[in-house]
């Protein structure tokens, strides 16, 4: 009996250590995301154009909600793929492009986003043959289905049917100025410096 008690204590300590590590990891990620948001706000504040004041205020409101936006995108993307039997692994949401680099704001500026995954073969960015084999479809049906998943996220520009992104922005009471460039691949090789991309959401 004493041996069982000792083993149980060791097991409990191991579980507690694992939980502490996960909490620390989550805290670190939250700190990284919040620091990234602060950086975006600093870059935005450098723009002093009076003509663009309404645009600047709109983007300021969006930036303040970026941790929520990033998390909701990651979770919605995860749920969308799992519902159709895909398991993309860890999902990360990044901002890239002009907003990250601090390029001058314009009236028609948007916020470029990429989604990365641990397993590209299980995402809408998978090669068509690989994607078709996941569902035992022919190429034409797989192409349609793969595009429909992307459309579900961003909406249909022809029918004007809103997607998940519009719902997220409406829920957070912000304008949808997001442009998703990538729907689930590895981090593009051209983004080879930390300053080229900023993490705003993650789903493990």
Protein backbone atom coordinates (compact mmCIF):
# COMPACT_ATOMS: atom_id res chain seq x y z
CA UNK A 1 0.00 0.00 0.00
CA UNK A 2 2.76 2.57 0.82
CA UNK A 3 4.30 1.92 -2.61
CA UNK A 4 0.96 2.67 -4.28
CA UNK A 5 0.70 5.89 -2.29
CA UNK A 6 4.18 6.99 -3.38
CA UNK A 7 3.43 6.18 -7.03
CA UNK A 8 0.20 8.16 -6.79
CA UNK A 9 2.05 11.15 -5.36
CA UNK A 10 4.61 10.98 -8.18
CA UNK A 11 1.81 10.77 -10.73
CA UNK A 12 0.04 13.77 -9.17
CA UNK A 13 3.28 15.79 -9.17
CA UNK A 14 3.86 14.89 -12.82
CA UNK A 15 0.33 15.96 -13.75
CA UNK A 16 0.69 19.20 -11.80
CA UNK A 17 4.03 19.95 -13.48
CA UNK A 18 2.48 19.32 -16.89
CA UNK A 19 -0.46 21.62 -16.08
CA UNK A 20 1.91 24.32 -14.83
CA UNK A 21 3.96 24.07 -18.04
CA UNK A 22 0.82 24.35 -20.18
CA UNK A 23 -0.37 27.37 -18.18
CA UNK A 24 3.08 28.98 -18.52
CA UNK A 25 3.06 28.31 -22.24
CA UNK A 26 -0.40 29.85 -22.60
CA UNK A 27 0.70 32.86 -20.56
CA UNK A 28 3.81 33.31 -22.71
CA UNK A 29 1.74 33.12 -25.90
CA UNK A 30 -0.76 35.64 -24.55
CA UNK A 31 2.15 37.95 -23.70
CA UNK A 32 3.57 37.59 -27.23
CA UNK A 33 0.19 38.34 -28.80
CA UNK A 34 -0.42 41.37 -26.57
CA UNK A 35 3.08 42.69 -27.35
CA UNK A 36 2.34 42.27 -31.06
CA UNK A 37 -0.86 44.27 -30.69
CA UNK A 38 1.02 47.04 -28.88
CA UNK A 39 3.52 47.13 -31.72
CA UNK A 40 0.71 47.47 -34.26
CA UNK A 41 -0.83 50.33 -32.28
CA UNK A 42 2.54 52.13 -32.08
CA UNK A 43 3.01 51.82 -35.84
CA UNK A 44 -0.51 53.14 -36.39
CA UNK A 45 0.03 56.11 -34.09
CA UNK A 46 2.91 57.33 -36.27
CA UNK A 47 0.42 58.23 -38.98
CA UNK A 48 -0.61 61.84 -38.37
CA UNK A 49 -2.58 62.51 -41.55
CA UNK A 50 -5.72 64.48 -40.69
CA UNK A 51 -7.47 63.21 -43.82
CA UNK A 52 -7.05 59.63 -42.66
CA UNK A 53 -8.19 60.21 -39.08
CA UNK A 54 -11.45 58.20 -39.54
CA UNK A 55 -9.49 55.31 -41.10
CA UNK A 56 -6.92 55.48 -38.31
CA UNK A 57 -9.65 55.36 -35.66
CA UNK A 58 -11.26 52.41 -37.41
CA UNK A 59 -7.98 50.48 -37.47
CA UNK A 60 -7.23 51.39 -33.85
CA UNK A 61 -10.53 49.81 -32.82
CA UNK A 62 -9.71 46.69 -34.87
CA UNK A 63 -6.18 46.41 -33.45
CA UNK A 64 -7.48 46.53 -29.89
CA UNK A 65 -9.57 43.45 -30.66
CA UNK A 66 -6.84 41.50 -32.49
CA UNK A 67 -6.27 38.91 -29.71
CA UNK A 68 -9.99 38.08 -29.85
CA UNK A 69 -10.01 38.09 -33.66
CA UNK A 70 -6.99 35.79 -33.89
CA UNK A 71 -8.35 33.32 -31.35
CA UNK A 72 -11.79 33.22 -32.94
CA UNK A 73 -10.29 32.64 -36.40
CA UNK A 74 -8.12 29.79 -35.09
CA UNK A 75 -11.00 28.15 -33.23
CA UNK A 76 -13.51 28.59 -36.06
CA UNK A 77 -11.02 27.21 -38.59
CA UNK A 78 -10.35 24.22 -36.32
CA UNK A 79 -14.07 23.51 -35.85
CA UNK A 80 -14.81 23.93 -39.56
CA UNK A 81 -12.18 21.38 -40.59
CA UNK A 82 -12.91 18.90 -37.82
CA UNK A 83 -16.58 18.84 -38.82
CA UNK A 84 -15.57 17.46 -42.23
CA UNK A 85 -13.03 15.01 -40.79
CA UNK A 86 -9.81 16.98 -41.28
CA UNK A 87 -7.15 17.28 -38.58
CA UNK A 88 -4.70 20.07 -39.47
CA UNK A 89 -2.80 19.96 -36.17
CA UNK A 90 -1.70 23.18 -34.48
CA UNK A 91 -3.26 26.26 -36.07
CA UNK A 92 -1.64 29.70 -35.94
CA UNK A 93 -2.96 33.00 -37.24
CA UNK A 94 -0.52 35.73 -38.29
CA UNK A 95 -0.74 39.26 -39.62
CA UNK A 96 1.66 40.00 -42.47
CA UNK A 97 2.18 42.70 -45.07
CA UNK A 98 1.95 46.47 -44.92
CA UNK A 99 0.31 46.80 -41.50
CA UNK A 100 3.14 44.82 -39.90
CA UNK A 101 5.84 46.77 -41.72
CA UNK A 102 4.30 50.12 -40.82
CA UNK A 103 3.60 51.22 -44.38
CA UNK A 104 1.60 54.46 -44.70
CA UNK A 105 -2.10 53.98 -44.07
CA UNK A 106 -4.48 54.49 -46.98
CA UNK A 107 -8.25 54.82 -47.11
CA UNK A 108 -8.48 51.38 -48.73
CA UNK A 109 -5.85 49.64 -46.56
CA UNK A 110 -6.62 46.17 -45.30
CA UNK A 111 -5.06 43.66 -42.89
CA UNK A 112 -3.40 40.65 -44.50
CA UNK A 113 -3.69 37.35 -42.64
CA UNK A 114 -2.16 33.93 -43.12
CA UNK A 115 -3.17 30.73 -41.37
CA UNK A 116 -0.51 28.09 -40.77
CA UNK A 117 -1.10 24.48 -39.74
CA UNK A 118 0.94 21.56 -38.52
CA UNK A 119 -0.38 19.19 -41.19
CA UNK A 120 -0.89 20.88 -44.55
CA UNK A 121 -2.27 17.71 -46.17
CA UNK A 122 -5.30 18.12 -43.87
CA UNK A 123 -6.04 21.73 -44.83
CA UNK A 124 -7.66 23.62 -47.74
CA UNK A 125 -4.14 24.48 -48.95
CA UNK A 126 -3.29 20.79 -49.49
CA UNK A 127 -2.29 19.73 -52.98
CA UNK A 128 -5.41 18.82 -54.93
CA UNK A 129 -4.52 15.12 -55.28
CA UNK A 130 -3.74 14.86 -51.59
CA UNK A 131 -6.95 16.67 -50.68
CA UNK A 132 -9.00 14.45 -53.00
CA UNK A 133 -7.52 11.31 -51.45
CA UNK A 134 -8.62 12.49 -47.99
CA UNK A 135 -12.23 12.20 -49.10
CA UNK A 136 -11.90 9.63 -51.90
CA UNK A 137 -13.19 12.21 -54.39
CA UNK A 138 -12.35 12.84 -58.01
CA UNK A 139 -10.30 15.96 -58.71
CA UNK A 140 -13.20 18.13 -59.87
CA UNK A 141 -15.32 17.41 -56.77
CA UNK A 142 -12.30 17.89 -54.51
CA UNK A 143 -11.56 21.28 -56.10
CA UNK A 144 -15.13 22.42 -55.51
CA UNK A 145 -15.14 21.16 -51.92
CA UNK A 146 -11.76 22.68 -51.11
CA UNK A 147 -12.86 26.06 -52.47
CA UNK A 148 -16.14 25.82 -50.54
CA UNK A 149 -14.19 25.54 -47.28
CA UNK A 150 -12.24 28.70 -48.10
CA UNK A 151 -15.49 30.41 -49.07
CA UNK A 152 -17.09 29.39 -45.79
CA UNK A 153 -14.35 31.30 -44.00
CA UNK A 154 -14.31 34.50 -46.07
CA UNK A 155 -17.74 34.53 -47.73
CA UNK A 156 -18.82 34.56 -51.37
CA UNK A 157 -17.95 37.78 -53.22
CA UNK A 158 -20.46 37.05 -55.99
CA UNK A 159 -23.55 36.17 -53.93
CA UNK A 160 -22.40 38.47 -51.09
CA UNK A 161 -23.07 35.66 -48.64
CA UNK A 162 -21.03 36.44 -45.51
CA UNK A 163 -18.50 34.00 -44.11
CA UNK A 164 -17.11 33.21 -40.70
CA UNK A 165 -14.83 36.28 -40.81
CA UNK A 166 -17.80 38.63 -41.19
CA UNK A 167 -19.55 36.94 -38.27
CA UNK A 168 -16.45 37.28 -36.08
CA UNK A 169 -16.11 40.99 -36.86
CA UNK A 170 -19.83 41.62 -36.33
CA UNK A 171 -19.67 39.84 -32.98
CA UNK A 172 -16.73 42.04 -31.92
CA UNK A 173 -18.34 45.19 -33.34
CA UNK A 174 -15.46 45.98 -35.69
CA UNK A 175 -15.18 46.53 -39.43
CA UNK A 176 -14.08 43.52 -41.48
CA UNK A 177 -10.89 44.83 -43.07
CA UNK A 178 -9.19 41.42 -43.13
CA UNK A 179 -7.80 39.70 -46.21
CA UNK A 180 -6.86 36.04 -45.79
CA UNK A 181 -3.93 35.24 -48.09
CA UNK A 182 -3.31 31.68 -46.99
CA UNK A 183 -5.76 29.07 -45.71
CA UNK A 184 -3.45 26.61 -43.98
CA UNK A 185 0.15 25.95 -44.99
CA UNK A 186 3.57 26.23 -43.41
CA UNK A 187 4.92 29.72 -42.77
CA UNK A 188 5.98 31.00 -46.23
CA UNK A 189 9.76 31.00 -46.70
CA UNK A 190 9.78 34.64 -47.85
CA UNK A 191 8.71 35.59 -44.33
CA UNK A 192 12.15 34.87 -42.96
CA UNK A 193 12.42 37.56 -40.28
CA UNK A 194 10.32 37.81 -37.08
CA UNK A 195 9.31 41.35 -38.05
CA UNK A 196 7.68 40.03 -41.24
CA UNK A 197 4.79 38.45 -39.35
CA UNK A 198 2.99 38.86 -36.04
CA UNK A 199 1.15 36.08 -34.22
CA UNK A 200 -2.40 36.95 -33.12
CA UNK A 201 -4.02 33.56 -32.49
CA UNK A 202 -3.33 29.88 -31.88
CA UNK A 203 -5.30 26.67 -31.47
CA UNK A 204 -3.45 23.51 -30.43
